[in-house]
Amino acid sequence: MLDTPPVKRLLRWVVVTVALIFSSALCALQFGLRRFDRLVKRDVEALLARATTTAEEVVVTEEMLKGLPVPVRRYLSFTGVVDTRLVSTVQLKQKGKMQPSADGTWIPLDAVQYHTVKSPGFVWDGTMHVGPFLWRELVTSIRAARGTC
């Protein structure tokens, strides 16, 4: 019965249609991911652009540490922070698990967070790995005293 030309033709048409729908869905997904990545990159670039340092770099001195509590002063001296430049930006890479709800399961997470000091702000870009081919992109930021999620 499967050897009849109309059935073969119908079967071939169904397979081609399913393949085209699947390919279109993958292309749409790829387009969305690239667009999302560009938006996050734009946010990070805007954040870091406001954090540019001036020509006169500020160096940490013993004098700057004098008003701090003794344990903090001792720790900072031990770490060798004296005679180094003040930090203006920080990039953190994070790996862990996130529990989206109080009774939910823990989901693996990879994230990168960018901080600025002079113009306080951050951009946090995370990916929750929900399953083998499922993930969720997350981003949150605070720039110029305005937050987004």
Protein backbone atom coordinates (compact mmCIF):
# COMPACT_ATOMS: atom_id res chain seq x y z
CA MET A 1 0.00 0.00 0.00
CA LEU A 2 2.91 2.41 0.71
CA ASP A 3 4.23 1.71 -2.76
CA THR A 4 1.43 3.57 -4.48
CA PRO A 5 2.60 6.85 -6.01
CA PRO A 6 0.02 9.12 -4.31
CA VAL A 7 0.92 7.79 -0.83
CA LYS A 8 4.65 8.16 -1.48
CA ARG A 9 4.11 11.67 -2.77
CA LEU A 10 2.01 12.58 0.28
CA LEU A 11 4.59 11.08 2.64
CA ARG A 12 7.40 12.99 0.91
CA TRP A 13 5.35 16.21 1.10
CA VAL A 14 4.72 15.70 4.86
CA VAL A 15 8.44 15.02 5.55
CA VAL A 16 9.53 18.09 3.57
CA THR A 17 6.91 20.26 5.28
CA VAL A 18 7.96 19.11 8.76
CA ALA A 19 11.64 19.69 7.87
CA LEU A 20 10.86 23.21 6.64
CA ILE A 21 8.86 24.06 9.76
CA PHE A 22 11.66 22.74 11.99
CA SER A 23 14.31 24.67 10.01
CA SER A 24 12.24 27.85 10.18
CA ALA A 25 11.85 27.48 13.95
CA LEU A 26 15.61 27.01 14.37
CA CYS A 27 16.32 30.09 12.23
CA ALA A 28 13.85 32.18 14.25
CA LEU A 29 15.42 30.98 17.49
CA GLN A 30 18.92 31.80 16.25
CA PHE A 31 17.77 35.25 15.11
CA GLY A 32 16.20 35.93 18.51
CA LEU A 33 19.31 34.81 20.40
CA ARG A 34 21.59 36.98 18.29
CA ARG A 35 19.30 39.97 18.76
CA PHE A 36 19.23 39.40 22.52
CA ASP A 37 23.05 39.10 22.62
CA ARG A 38 23.39 42.37 20.69
CA LEU A 39 21.07 44.14 23.14
CA VAL A 40 23.06 42.87 26.13
CA LYS A 41 26.34 43.85 24.45
CA ARG A 42 24.94 47.34 23.81
CA ASP A 43 23.95 47.65 27.48
CA VAL A 44 27.41 46.55 28.64
CA GLU A 45 29.15 48.97 26.24
CA ALA A 46 26.95 51.85 27.43
CA LEU A 47 27.68 50.98 31.06
CA LEU A 48 31.44 50.76 30.53
CA ALA A 49 31.52 53.94 28.41
CA ARG A 50 30.32 55.96 31.40
CA ALA A 51 33.04 54.42 33.57
CA THR A 52 35.99 55.77 31.64
CA THR A 53 38.73 56.97 33.95
CA THR A 54 40.35 60.36 33.84
CA ALA A 55 44.02 60.99 33.04
CA GLU A 56 44.90 61.23 36.72
CA GLU A 57 44.55 57.71 38.11
CA VAL A 58 43.89 57.57 41.85
CA VAL A 59 46.27 55.32 43.78
CA VAL A 60 45.35 53.81 47.17
CA THR A 61 47.50 55.16 50.01
CA GLU A 62 47.92 54.28 53.70
CA GLU A 63 46.32 57.65 54.44
CA MET A 64 43.10 56.52 52.71
CA LEU A 65 42.89 53.48 54.98
CA LYS A 66 43.20 55.40 58.26
CA GLY A 67 39.46 55.96 58.81
CA LEU A 68 38.61 52.28 58.34
CA PRO A 69 38.10 49.77 61.18
CA VAL A 70 41.33 48.01 62.24
CA PRO A 71 40.38 44.54 60.82
CA VAL A 72 39.49 46.07 57.44
CA ARG A 73 42.67 48.16 57.38
CA ARG A 74 44.76 45.10 58.31
CA TYR A 75 43.06 42.98 55.62
CA LEU A 76 43.54 45.61 52.90
CA SER A 77 47.20 46.05 53.85
CA PHE A 78 47.66 42.26 53.75
CA THR A 79 46.11 42.01 50.26
CA GLY A 80 48.57 44.55 48.89
CA VAL A 81 45.99 47.10 47.81
CA VAL A 82 48.21 50.01 48.92
CA ASP A 83 50.03 51.61 45.96
CA THR A 84 47.58 50.17 43.42
CA ARG A 85 45.03 52.08 41.34
CA LEU A 86 41.41 52.29 42.45
CA VAL A 87 39.11 49.96 40.55
CA SER A 88 36.69 51.57 38.09
CA THR A 89 35.10 48.45 36.55
CA VAL A 90 34.68 44.80 37.54
CA GLN A 91 33.65 41.77 35.50
CA LEU A 92 32.47 38.70 37.44
CA LYS A 93 31.87 35.27 35.94
CA GLN A 94 29.44 33.18 37.93
CA LYS A 95 28.49 29.51 37.84
CA GLY A 96 25.92 27.99 40.14
CA LYS A 97 22.29 27.02 40.55
CA MET A 98 19.14 29.09 40.84
CA GLN A 99 15.82 28.09 42.38
CA PRO A 100 13.11 30.07 40.54
CA SER A 101 10.46 29.38 43.19
CA ALA A 102 10.47 28.35 46.85
CA ASP A 103 9.33 24.81 46.08
CA GLY A 104 11.00 24.54 42.64
CA THR A 105 14.03 22.55 41.60
CA TRP A 106 17.52 24.00 41.37
CA ILE A 107 18.54 24.86 37.80
CA PRO A 108 22.18 25.24 36.63
CA LEU A 109 23.15 28.82 35.79
CA ASP A 110 26.06 30.59 34.09
CA ALA A 111 26.29 34.37 34.30
CA VAL A 112 28.55 37.34 33.66
CA GLN A 113 28.11 40.54 35.64
CA TYR A 114 29.68 43.91 34.82
CA HIS A 115 29.98 46.62 37.52
CA THR A 116 31.08 50.24 37.37
CA VAL A 117 32.14 52.29 40.36
CA LYS A 118 32.33 55.97 39.35
CA SER A 119 28.88 55.97 37.80
CA PRO A 120 27.39 53.15 39.90
CA GLY A 121 25.67 50.51 37.83
CA PHE A 122 25.74 46.92 36.67
CA VAL A 123 24.57 44.58 33.91
CA TRP A 124 23.95 40.94 34.82
CA ASP A 125 23.59 38.46 31.95
CA GLY A 126 22.64 34.91 32.93
CA THR A 127 21.66 31.67 31.26
CA MET A 128 19.59 29.05 33.07
CA HIS A 129 20.11 25.55 31.63
CA VAL A 130 16.61 24.13 32.01
CA GLY A 131 17.19 20.92 30.01
CA PRO A 132 19.32 19.36 27.27
CA PHE A 133 18.04 21.69 24.55
CA LEU A 134 16.19 24.17 26.74
CA TRP A 135 17.59 27.28 28.37
CA ARG A 136 16.41 30.67 29.49
CA GLU A 137 18.32 33.91 28.96
CA LEU A 138 18.08 36.46 31.76
CA VAL A 139 19.36 40.01 32.00
CA THR A 140 18.99 42.72 34.58
CA SER A 141 20.75 46.04 34.92
CA ILE A 142 21.00 49.30 36.75
CA ARG A 143 22.39 52.24 34.80
CA ALA A 144 22.01 55.92 35.63
CA ALA A 145 19.90 55.02 38.68
CA ARG A 146 17.34 53.15 36.55
CA GLY A 147 16.77 49.41 36.78
CA THR A 148 15.56 46.93 34.18
CA CYS A 149 14.66 43.26 34.24
